[in-house]
Amino acid sequence: MATSSPASGHFPSVITHRPSRLFIILAGFFVANALVAELIGVKIFALEDTLGLSPWDFNLFGEVGALQFSAGVLLWPIVFVMTDLLNEYYGKQGVKMLSYLTVALIIYAFVMIYAAIQLVPADWWVTQSAQIGVPDSQAAFKATFGQGLFIIVGSVSAFLLAQLTDVLVFHRIRKTTGERRLWLRATGSTLVSQLVDSFVVLFIAFKLGPMLFGGLNDPWPWSRLLAVATVQYVYKFSMAILLTPVIYWAHGLIDRYLGHETAAYLKATAEQ
């Protein structure tokens, strides 16, 4: 049986082969969003103040406070859509491969950031920073990018566990419903996986880590951990529901780009 090869002229180009090109685009957004979320996630913002509203001062599990989120939630809607599309067209293996690759790249990024923190800053850079209101640029750089070890471990662990949970639930629902009920497998898998993500990252970073190894901060009480995790999960839950029309629009766009025959073939092989 003849095999395709570049010399025979039948070997498809990754650049021009539409399914391969689509995978590269989705994978690029998937990895980039995860990395950017890690970097900007260190900033905590107040939702009410950002929107110009009065503080809600909710009382949840005995914790009273305003609605505060990691800036990483800005990227979550895109992650939701990318994960669903990868699940739908490239299946378990595609999502798992990208999840493992993303974790490796996040770890690589933090190793490089740690190395950058150790570099002695140039005098003129420190002076220039002071002139624009940053008196200690080295401390600012370290505070912004030098996240605590257990925040990194918690974030990476939660990301990987959530992705593996998402792909498992997605394909279990798809196996039961077939091609019908796109909204159910997209939203259902996300609601389960993000329940895992919302609690695991906070538990490792702010409960387990300080309990086992101590540090500058005391372990969070269960009331605070549950309150913060619940608020973030409700946000993700709400966004998953609101983004359902976007999922259908994205699927229609990709089906037209690939051609219905190719799209159907990818979906069929994704189930295997």
C-alpha atoms as a PDB file:
ATOM      1  CA  MET A   1       0.000   0.000   0.000  1.00  0.00           C
ATOM      2  CA  ALA A   2       1.411   3.364  -0.993  1.00  0.00           C
ATOM      3  CA  THR A   3       2.109   5.890   1.724  1.00  0.00           C
ATOM      4  CA  SER A   4       1.961   9.655   1.517  1.00  0.00           C
ATOM      5  CA  SER A   5       5.259  11.485   1.606  1.00  0.00           C
ATOM      6  CA  PRO A   6       6.504  14.983   0.803  1.00  0.00           C
ATOM      7  CA  ALA A   7       8.250  13.603  -2.300  1.00  0.00           C
ATOM      8  CA  SER A   8       5.052  12.078  -3.672  1.00  0.00           C
ATOM      9  CA  GLY A   9       3.244  15.380  -3.404  1.00  0.00           C
ATOM     10  CA  HIS A  10       0.420  13.840  -1.366  1.00  0.00           C
ATOM     11  CA  PHE A  11       1.711  14.764   2.085  1.00  0.00           C
ATOM     12  CA  PRO A  12      -0.569  17.566   3.379  1.00  0.00           C
ATOM     13  CA  SER A  13       1.086  20.793   4.483  1.00  0.00           C
ATOM     14  CA  VAL A  14       0.451  21.658   8.121  1.00  0.00           C
ATOM     15  CA  ILE A  15       0.108  25.288   7.089  1.00  0.00           C
ATOM     16  CA  THR A  16      -2.497  24.758   4.380  1.00  0.00           C
ATOM     17  CA  HIS A  17      -4.258  21.683   5.802  1.00  0.00           C
ATOM     18  CA  ARG A  18      -7.345  23.232   7.401  1.00  0.00           C
ATOM     19  CA  PRO A  19      -7.834  20.776  10.305  1.00  0.00           C
ATOM     20  CA  SER A  20      -4.130  21.118  11.218  1.00  0.00           C
ATOM     21  CA  ARG A  21      -4.249  24.900  10.891  1.00  0.00           C
ATOM     22  CA  LEU A  22      -7.364  25.048  13.064  1.00  0.00           C
ATOM     23  CA  PHE A  23      -5.662  22.939  15.733  1.00  0.00           C
ATOM     24  CA  ILE A  24      -2.635  25.265  15.735  1.00  0.00           C
ATOM     25  CA  ILE A  25      -4.884  28.322  16.149  1.00  0.00           C
ATOM     26  CA  LEU A  26      -6.957  26.786  18.943  1.00  0.00           C
ATOM     27  CA  ALA A  27      -3.853  25.404  20.656  1.00  0.00           C
ATOM     28  CA  GLY A  28      -2.128  28.791  20.448  1.00  0.00           C
ATOM     29  CA  PHE A  29      -5.037  30.556  22.124  1.00  0.00           C
ATOM     30  CA  PHE A  30      -5.350  27.753  24.682  1.00  0.00           C
ATOM     31  CA  VAL A  31      -1.699  27.920  25.773  1.00  0.00           C
ATOM     32  CA  ALA A  32      -1.464  31.716  25.581  1.00  0.00           C
ATOM     33  CA  ASN A  33      -4.580  32.192  27.706  1.00  0.00           C
ATOM     34  CA  ALA A  34      -3.309  29.816  30.374  1.00  0.00           C
ATOM     35  CA  LEU A  35       0.069  31.585  30.544  1.00  0.00           C
ATOM     36  CA  VAL A  36      -1.426  35.085  30.594  1.00  0.00           C
ATOM     37  CA  ALA A  37      -3.933  34.033  33.266  1.00  0.00           C
ATOM     38  CA  GLU A  38      -1.050  32.853  35.454  1.00  0.00           C
ATOM     39  CA  LEU A  39       0.781  36.163  35.051  1.00  0.00           C
ATOM     40  CA  ILE A  40      -2.144  38.545  35.595  1.00  0.00           C
ATOM     41  CA  GLY A  41      -3.869  36.334  38.162  1.00  0.00           C
ATOM     42  CA  VAL A  42      -1.752  37.819  40.942  1.00  0.00           C
ATOM     43  CA  LYS A  43      -3.899  40.977  40.763  1.00  0.00           C
ATOM     44  CA  ILE A  44      -7.099  40.888  42.806  1.00  0.00           C
ATOM     45  CA  PHE A  45      -9.759  43.398  41.801  1.00  0.00           C
ATOM     46  CA  ALA A  46     -12.986  44.583  43.408  1.00  0.00           C
ATOM     47  CA  LEU A  47     -15.899  44.052  41.022  1.00  0.00           C
ATOM     48  CA  GLU A  48     -18.218  46.628  42.580  1.00  0.00           C
ATOM     49  CA  ASP A  49     -15.584  49.383  42.536  1.00  0.00           C
ATOM     50  CA  THR A  50     -14.625  48.512  38.973  1.00  0.00           C
ATOM     51  CA  LEU A  51     -18.266  48.869  37.875  1.00  0.00           C
ATOM     52  CA  GLY A  52     -18.848  51.959  40.016  1.00  0.00           C
ATOM     53  CA  LEU A  53     -21.322  50.173  42.306  1.00  0.00           C
ATOM     54  CA  SER A  54     -21.710  50.150  46.069  1.00  0.00           C
ATOM     55  CA  PRO A  55     -20.019  47.192  47.809  1.00  0.00           C
ATOM     56  CA  TRP A  56     -22.349  44.241  48.140  1.00  0.00           C
ATOM     57  CA  ASP A  57     -20.887  43.154  51.501  1.00  0.00           C
ATOM     58  CA  PHE A  58     -22.190  39.598  51.136  1.00  0.00           C
ATOM     59  CA  ASN A  59     -22.339  37.201  54.062  1.00  0.00           C
ATOM     60  CA  LEU A  60     -21.315  33.742  52.912  1.00  0.00           C
ATOM     61  CA  PHE A  61     -20.237  30.940  55.273  1.00  0.00           C
ATOM     62  CA  GLY A  62     -19.808  33.618  57.928  1.00  0.00           C
ATOM     63  CA  GLU A  63     -17.426  35.682  55.778  1.00  0.00           C
ATOM     64  CA  VAL A  64     -18.484  39.270  55.054  1.00  0.00           C
ATOM     65  CA  GLY A  65     -16.939  41.107  52.141  1.00  0.00           C
ATOM     66  CA  ALA A  66     -17.110  42.564  48.651  1.00  0.00           C
ATOM     67  CA  LEU A  67     -16.952  40.685  45.360  1.00  0.00           C
ATOM     68  CA  GLN A  68     -13.245  40.256  44.662  1.00  0.00           C
ATOM     69  CA  PHE A  69     -11.746  38.209  41.836  1.00  0.00           C
ATOM     70  CA  SER A  70      -8.390  37.338  40.368  1.00  0.00           C
ATOM     71  CA  ALA A  71      -7.765  39.255  37.150  1.00  0.00           C
ATOM     72  CA  GLY A  72      -7.321  35.857  35.526  1.00  0.00           C
ATOM     73  CA  VAL A  73     -11.116  35.555  35.278  1.00  0.00           C
ATOM     74  CA  LEU A  74     -10.972  37.993  32.350  1.00  0.00           C
ATOM     75  CA  LEU A  75      -9.602  35.166  30.220  1.00  0.00           C
ATOM     76  CA  TRP A  76     -11.851  32.417  31.499  1.00  0.00           C
ATOM     77  CA  PRO A  77     -14.634  32.850  28.889  1.00  0.00           C
ATOM     78  CA  ILE A  78     -12.055  32.337  26.109  1.00  0.00           C
ATOM     79  CA  VAL A  79     -10.638  29.271  27.869  1.00  0.00           C
ATOM     80  CA  PHE A  80     -14.171  27.868  28.131  1.00  0.00           C
ATOM     81  CA  VAL A  81     -14.802  28.256  24.402  1.00  0.00           C
ATOM     82  CA  MET A  82     -11.348  26.946  23.381  1.00  0.00           C
ATOM     83  CA  THR A  83     -11.659  23.852  25.586  1.00  0.00           C
ATOM     84  CA  ASP A  84     -15.080  23.020  24.167  1.00  0.00           C
ATOM     85  CA  LEU A  85     -13.909  23.374  20.561  1.00  0.00           C
ATOM     86  CA  LEU A  86     -10.828  21.235  21.174  1.00  0.00           C
ATOM     87  CA  ASN A  87     -12.983  18.597  22.861  1.00  0.00           C
ATOM     88  CA  GLU A  88     -15.486  18.601  20.024  1.00  0.00           C
ATOM     89  CA  TYR A  89     -13.111  18.397  17.065  1.00  0.00           C
ATOM     90  CA  TYR A  90      -9.916  16.821  18.452  1.00  0.00           C
ATOM     91  CA  GLY A  91     -11.141  14.639  21.291  1.00  0.00           C
ATOM     92  CA  LYS A  92      -9.544  13.398  24.485  1.00  0.00           C
ATOM     93  CA  GLN A  93      -6.054  13.001  23.088  1.00  0.00           C
ATOM     94  CA  GLY A  94      -5.951  16.537  21.720  1.00  0.00           C
ATOM     95  CA  VAL A  95      -7.069  18.141  24.981  1.00  0.00           C
ATOM     96  CA  LYS A  96      -4.826  15.941  27.137  1.00  0.00           C
ATOM     97  CA  MET A  97      -1.760  16.633  25.002  1.00  0.00           C
ATOM     98  CA  LEU A  98      -2.338  20.384  25.151  1.00  0.00           C
ATOM     99  CA  SER A  99      -3.048  20.278  28.884  1.00  0.00           C
ATOM    100  CA  TYR A 100       0.245  18.507  29.628  1.00  0.00           C
ATOM    101  CA  LEU A 101       2.118  20.821  27.257  1.00  0.00           C
ATOM    102  CA  THR A 102       0.566  23.889  28.866  1.00  0.00           C
ATOM    103  CA  VAL A 103       1.543  22.773  32.363  1.00  0.00           C
ATOM    104  CA  ALA A 104       5.119  22.201  31.183  1.00  0.00           C
ATOM    105  CA  LEU A 105       5.219  25.655  29.581  1.00  0.00           C
ATOM    106  CA  ILE A 106       3.789  27.334  32.685  1.00  0.00           C
ATOM    107  CA  ILE A 107       6.481  25.702  34.818  1.00  0.00           C
ATOM    108  CA  TYR A 108       9.114  26.721  32.250  1.00  0.00           C
ATOM    109  CA  ALA A 109       7.812  30.315  32.325  1.00  0.00           C
ATOM    110  CA  PHE A 110       8.058  30.520  36.113  1.00  0.00           C
ATOM    111  CA  VAL A 111      11.583  29.069  36.083  1.00  0.00           C
ATOM    112  CA  MET A 112      12.600  31.829  33.653  1.00  0.00           C
ATOM    113  CA  ILE A 113      10.806  34.441  35.749  1.00  0.00           C
ATOM    114  CA  TYR A 114      12.624  33.210  38.865  1.00  0.00           C
ATOM    115  CA  ALA A 115      15.914  33.522  36.996  1.00  0.00           C
ATOM    116  CA  ALA A 116      14.994  37.054  35.888  1.00  0.00           C
ATOM    117  CA  ILE A 117      14.220  38.050  39.481  1.00  0.00           C
ATOM    118  CA  GLN A 118      17.751  37.058  40.519  1.00  0.00           C
ATOM    119  CA  LEU A 119      19.338  39.458  38.010  1.00  0.00           C
ATOM    120  CA  VAL A 120      20.750  42.643  39.527  1.00  0.00           C
ATOM    121  CA  PRO A 121      18.836  45.625  38.067  1.00  0.00           C
ATOM    122  CA  ALA A 122      20.698  48.371  36.206  1.00  0.00           C
ATOM    123  CA  ASP A 123      20.991  51.642  38.147  1.00  0.00           C
ATOM    124  CA  TRP A 124      19.414  53.725  35.379  1.00  0.00           C
ATOM    125  CA  TRP A 125      16.390  51.372  35.269  1.00  0.00           C
ATOM    126  CA  VAL A 126      15.847  51.809  39.019  1.00  0.00           C
ATOM    127  CA  THR A 127      16.195  55.593  38.714  1.00  0.00           C
ATOM    128  CA  GLN A 128      13.863  55.752  35.711  1.00  0.00           C
ATOM    129  CA  SER A 129      11.244  53.678  37.540  1.00  0.00           C
ATOM    130  CA  ALA A 130      11.460  55.946  40.590  1.00  0.00           C
ATOM    131  CA  GLN A 131      10.742  58.959  38.357  1.00  0.00           C
ATOM    132  CA  ILE A 132       7.391  57.441  37.336  1.00  0.00           C
ATOM    133  CA  GLY A 133       6.336  56.606  40.889  1.00  0.00           C
ATOM    134  CA  VAL A 134       7.881  53.158  41.440  1.00  0.00           C
ATOM    135  CA  PRO A 135      10.426  53.684  44.237  1.00  0.00           C
ATOM    136  CA  ASP A 136      11.709  50.102  44.263  1.00  0.00           C
ATOM    137  CA  SER A 137      11.405  48.587  40.789  1.00  0.00           C
ATOM    138  CA  GLN A 138      13.125  45.339  41.804  1.00  0.00           C
ATOM    139  CA  ALA A 139      10.638  44.778  44.638  1.00  0.00           C
ATOM    140  CA  ALA A 140       7.753  45.657  42.330  1.00  0.00           C
ATOM    141  CA  PHE A 141       8.980  43.196  39.696  1.00  0.00           C
ATOM    142  CA  LYS A 142       9.347  40.453  42.300  1.00  0.00           C
ATOM    143  CA  ALA A 143       5.936  41.170  43.860  1.00  0.00           C
ATOM    144  CA  THR A 144       4.216  41.138  40.460  1.00  0.00           C
ATOM    145  CA  PHE A 145       5.834  38.101  38.876  1.00  0.00           C
ATOM    146  CA  GLY A 146       7.327  36.181  41.807  1.00  0.00           C
ATOM    147  CA  GLN A 147       4.236  34.313  42.960  1.00  0.00           C
ATOM    148  CA  GLY A 148       4.476  32.033  45.966  1.00  0.00           C
ATOM    149  CA  LEU A 149       5.441  28.417  45.363  1.00  0.00           C
ATOM    150  CA  PHE A 150       2.141  27.010  46.590  1.00  0.00           C
ATOM    151  CA  ILE A 151       0.113  29.484  44.534  1.00  0.00           C
ATOM    152  CA  ILE A 152       1.946  28.179  41.463  1.00  0.00           C
ATOM    153  CA  VAL A 153       1.579  24.530  42.532  1.00  0.00           C
ATOM    154  CA  GLY A 154      -2.098  25.054  43.359  1.00  0.00           C
ATOM    155  CA  SER A 155      -2.815  26.842  40.104  1.00  0.00           C
ATOM    156  CA  VAL A 156      -1.045  24.277  37.908  1.00  0.00           C
ATOM    157  CA  SER A 157      -2.573  21.336  39.774  1.00  0.00           C
ATOM    158  CA  ALA A 158      -6.055  22.828  39.566  1.00  0.00           C
ATOM    159  CA  PHE A 159      -5.662  23.595  35.864  1.00  0.00           C
ATOM    160  CA  LEU A 160      -4.537  20.080  34.965  1.00  0.00           C
ATOM    161  CA  LEU A 161      -7.118  18.335  37.152  1.00  0.00           C
ATOM    162  CA  ALA A 162      -9.895  20.558  35.813  1.00  0.00           C
ATOM    163  CA  GLN A 163      -8.913  19.909  32.180  1.00  0.00           C
ATOM    164  CA  LEU A 164      -8.804  16.133  32.678  1.00  0.00           C
ATOM    165  CA  THR A 165     -12.169  16.269  34.449  1.00  0.00           C
ATOM    166  CA  ASP A 166     -13.619  18.403  31.652  1.00  0.00           C
ATOM    167  CA  VAL A 167     -12.575  16.011  28.897  1.00  0.00           C
ATOM    168  CA  LEU A 168     -13.899  13.008  30.850  1.00  0.00           C
ATOM    169  CA  VAL A 169     -17.316  14.540  31.534  1.00  0.00           C
ATOM    170  CA  PHE A 170     -17.592  16.043  28.031  1.00  0.00           C
ATOM    171  CA  HIS A 171     -17.123  12.715  26.282  1.00  0.00           C
ATOM    172  CA  ARG A 172     -19.298  10.813  28.767  1.00  0.00           C
ATOM    173  CA  ILE A 173     -22.165  13.190  27.955  1.00  0.00           C
ATOM    174  CA  ARG A 174     -21.408  13.014  24.237  1.00  0.00           C
ATOM    175  CA  LYS A 175     -21.395   9.221  24.315  1.00  0.00           C
ATOM    176  CA  THR A 176     -24.873   9.322  25.869  1.00  0.00           C
ATOM    177  CA  THR A 177     -26.452  12.065  23.737  1.00  0.00           C
ATOM    178  CA  GLY A 178     -24.535  11.724  20.454  1.00  0.00           C
ATOM    179  CA  GLU A 179     -24.384  14.885  18.338  1.00  0.00           C
ATOM    180  CA  ARG A 180     -27.501  16.270  20.021  1.00  0.00           C
ATOM    181  CA  ARG A 181     -27.511  18.702  22.953  1.00  0.00           C
ATOM    182  CA  LEU A 182     -24.280  20.547  22.297  1.00  0.00           C
ATOM    183  CA  TRP A 183     -25.167  22.945  25.113  1.00  0.00           C
ATOM    184  CA  LEU A 184     -25.340  20.074  27.606  1.00  0.00           C
ATOM    185  CA  ARG A 185     -21.890  18.618  26.977  1.00  0.00           C
ATOM    186  CA  ALA A 186     -20.235  22.041  26.641  1.00  0.00           C
ATOM    187  CA  THR A 187     -21.808  23.606  29.714  1.00  0.00           C
ATOM    188  CA  GLY A 188     -22.157  20.433  31.803  1.00  0.00           C
ATOM    189  CA  SER A 189     -18.496  19.474  31.500  1.00  0.00           C
ATOM    190  CA  THR A 190     -17.457  23.013  32.361  1.00  0.00           C
ATOM    191  CA  LEU A 191     -19.663  23.241  35.434  1.00  0.00           C
ATOM    192  CA  VAL A 192     -18.137  20.046  36.846  1.00  0.00           C
ATOM    193  CA  SER A 193     -14.517  20.831  35.933  1.00  0.00           C
ATOM    194  CA  GLN A 194     -14.636  24.399  37.231  1.00  0.00           C
ATOM    195  CA  LEU A 195     -16.091  23.230  40.520  1.00  0.00           C
ATOM    196  CA  VAL A 196     -12.874  21.225  40.863  1.00  0.00           C
ATOM    197  CA  ASP A 197     -10.691  24.121  39.693  1.00  0.00           C
ATOM    198  CA  SER A 198     -12.263  26.757  41.948  1.00  0.00           C
ATOM    199  CA  PHE A 199     -11.674  24.790  45.136  1.00  0.00           C
ATOM    200  CA  VAL A 200      -8.420  22.937  44.418  1.00  0.00           C
ATOM    201  CA  VAL A 201      -6.321  26.028  43.658  1.00  0.00           C
ATOM    202  CA  LEU A 202      -7.393  27.816  46.843  1.00  0.00           C
ATOM    203  CA  PHE A 203      -7.068  24.694  48.989  1.00  0.00           C
ATOM    204  CA  ILE A 204      -3.479  23.986  47.903  1.00  0.00           C
ATOM    205  CA  ALA A 205      -2.325  27.611  47.832  1.00  0.00           C
ATOM    206  CA  PHE A 206      -3.937  28.986  50.976  1.00  0.00           C
ATOM    207  CA  LYS A 207      -4.807  25.979  53.154  1.00  0.00           C
ATOM    208  CA  LEU A 208      -2.626  22.930  52.540  1.00  0.00           C
ATOM    209  CA  GLY A 209       0.635  24.760  51.743  1.00  0.00           C
ATOM    210  CA  PRO A 210       0.699  27.027  54.816  1.00  0.00           C
ATOM    211  CA  MET A 211      -0.472  24.135  57.048  1.00  0.00           C
ATOM    212  CA  LEU A 212       2.349  21.831  55.947  1.00  0.00           C
ATOM    213  CA  PHE A 213       5.219  24.262  55.498  1.00  0.00           C
ATOM    214  CA  GLY A 214       4.204  27.480  57.193  1.00  0.00           C
ATOM    215  CA  GLY A 215       5.229  30.780  55.695  1.00  0.00           C
ATOM    216  CA  LEU A 216       4.369  34.434  55.940  1.00  0.00           C
ATOM    217  CA  ASN A 217       0.630  33.832  55.905  1.00  0.00           C
ATOM    218  CA  ASP A 218      -1.533  31.679  58.168  1.00  0.00           C
ATOM    219  CA  PRO A 219      -3.770  29.052  56.550  1.00  0.00           C
ATOM    220  CA  TRP A 220      -7.115  30.417  55.441  1.00  0.00           C
ATOM    221  CA  PRO A 221     -10.070  29.408  57.597  1.00  0.00           C
ATOM    222  CA  TRP A 222     -12.524  27.074  55.863  1.00  0.00           C
ATOM    223  CA  SER A 223     -15.162  29.824  55.873  1.00  0.00           C
ATOM    224  CA  ARG A 224     -12.988  32.157  53.771  1.00  0.00           C
ATOM    225  CA  LEU A 225     -11.861  29.396  51.408  1.00  0.00           C
ATOM    226  CA  LEU A 226     -15.443  28.267  50.784  1.00  0.00           C
ATOM    227  CA  ALA A 227     -16.717  31.827  50.401  1.00  0.00           C
ATOM    228  CA  VAL A 228     -14.058  32.892  47.869  1.00  0.00           C
ATOM    229  CA  ALA A 229     -14.298  29.613  45.925  1.00  0.00           C
ATOM    230  CA  THR A 230     -18.097  29.818  45.798  1.00  0.00           C
ATOM    231  CA  VAL A 231     -18.103  33.398  44.527  1.00  0.00           C
ATOM    232  CA  GLN A 232     -15.617  32.542  41.764  1.00  0.00           C
ATOM    233  CA  TYR A 233     -17.530  29.390  40.848  1.00  0.00           C
ATOM    234  CA  VAL A 234     -20.830  31.286  40.595  1.00  0.00           C
ATOM    235  CA  TYR A 235     -19.128  33.692  38.198  1.00  0.00           C
ATOM    236  CA  LYS A 236     -17.877  30.815  36.023  1.00  0.00           C
ATOM    237  CA  PHE A 237     -21.279  29.093  36.221  1.00  0.00           C
ATOM    238  CA  SER A 238     -23.024  32.278  35.050  1.00  0.00           C
ATOM    239  CA  MET A 239     -20.542  32.887  32.236  1.00  0.00           C
ATOM    240  CA  ALA A 240     -20.892  29.291  30.998  1.00  0.00           C
ATOM    241  CA  ILE A 241     -24.656  29.788  30.671  1.00  0.00           C
ATOM    242  CA  LEU A 242     -24.331  33.196  29.003  1.00  0.00           C
ATOM    243  CA  LEU A 243     -21.724  31.926  26.517  1.00  0.00           C
ATOM    244  CA  THR A 244     -23.916  29.090  25.199  1.00  0.00           C
ATOM    245  CA  PRO A 245     -24.930  31.076  22.075  1.00  0.00           C
ATOM    246  CA  VAL A 246     -21.227  31.799  21.428  1.00  0.00           C
ATOM    247  CA  ILE A 247     -20.495  28.054  21.476  1.00  0.00           C
ATOM    248  CA  TYR A 248     -23.131  27.413  18.792  1.00  0.00           C
ATOM    249  CA  TRP A 249     -21.848  30.337  16.718  1.00  0.00           C
ATOM    250  CA  ALA A 250     -18.229  29.086  16.965  1.00  0.00           C
ATOM    251  CA  HIS A 251     -19.237  25.551  15.959  1.00  0.00           C
ATOM    252  CA  GLY A 252     -21.124  26.863  12.942  1.00  0.00           C
ATOM    253  CA  LEU A 253     -18.151  29.003  11.932  1.00  0.00           C
ATOM    254  CA  ILE A 254     -15.728  26.074  12.158  1.00  0.00           C
ATOM    255  CA  ASP A 255     -18.082  23.717  10.287  1.00  0.00           C
ATOM    256  CA  ARG A 256     -18.214  26.190   7.410  1.00  0.00           C
ATOM    257  CA  TYR A 257     -14.438  26.723   7.497  1.00  0.00           C
ATOM    258  CA  LEU A 258     -13.628  23.010   7.454  1.00  0.00           C
ATOM    259  CA  GLY A 259     -16.506  21.940   5.266  1.00  0.00           C
ATOM    260  CA  HIS A 260     -19.297  19.831   6.718  1.00  0.00           C
ATOM    261  CA  GLU A 261     -17.773  16.541   5.561  1.00  0.00           C
ATOM    262  CA  THR A 262     -14.395  17.226   7.186  1.00  0.00           C
ATOM    263  CA  ALA A 263     -16.034  18.620  10.324  1.00  0.00           C
ATOM    264  CA  ALA A 264     -18.205  15.509  10.646  1.00  0.00           C
ATOM    265  CA  TYR A 265     -15.147  13.277  10.218  1.00  0.00           C
ATOM    266  CA  LEU A 266     -13.221  15.138  12.953  1.00  0.00           C
ATOM    267  CA  LYS A 267     -16.162  14.931  15.326  1.00  0.00           C
ATOM    268  CA  ALA A 268     -16.566  11.204  14.677  1.00  0.00           C
ATOM    269  CA  THR A 269     -12.865  10.483  15.274  1.00  0.00           C
ATOM    270  CA  ALA A 270     -12.882  12.721  18.371  1.00  0.00           C
ATOM    271  CA  GLU A 271     -15.233  10.260  20.048  1.00  0.00           C
ATOM    272  CA  GLN A 272     -12.759   7.398  19.732  1.00  0.00           C
END
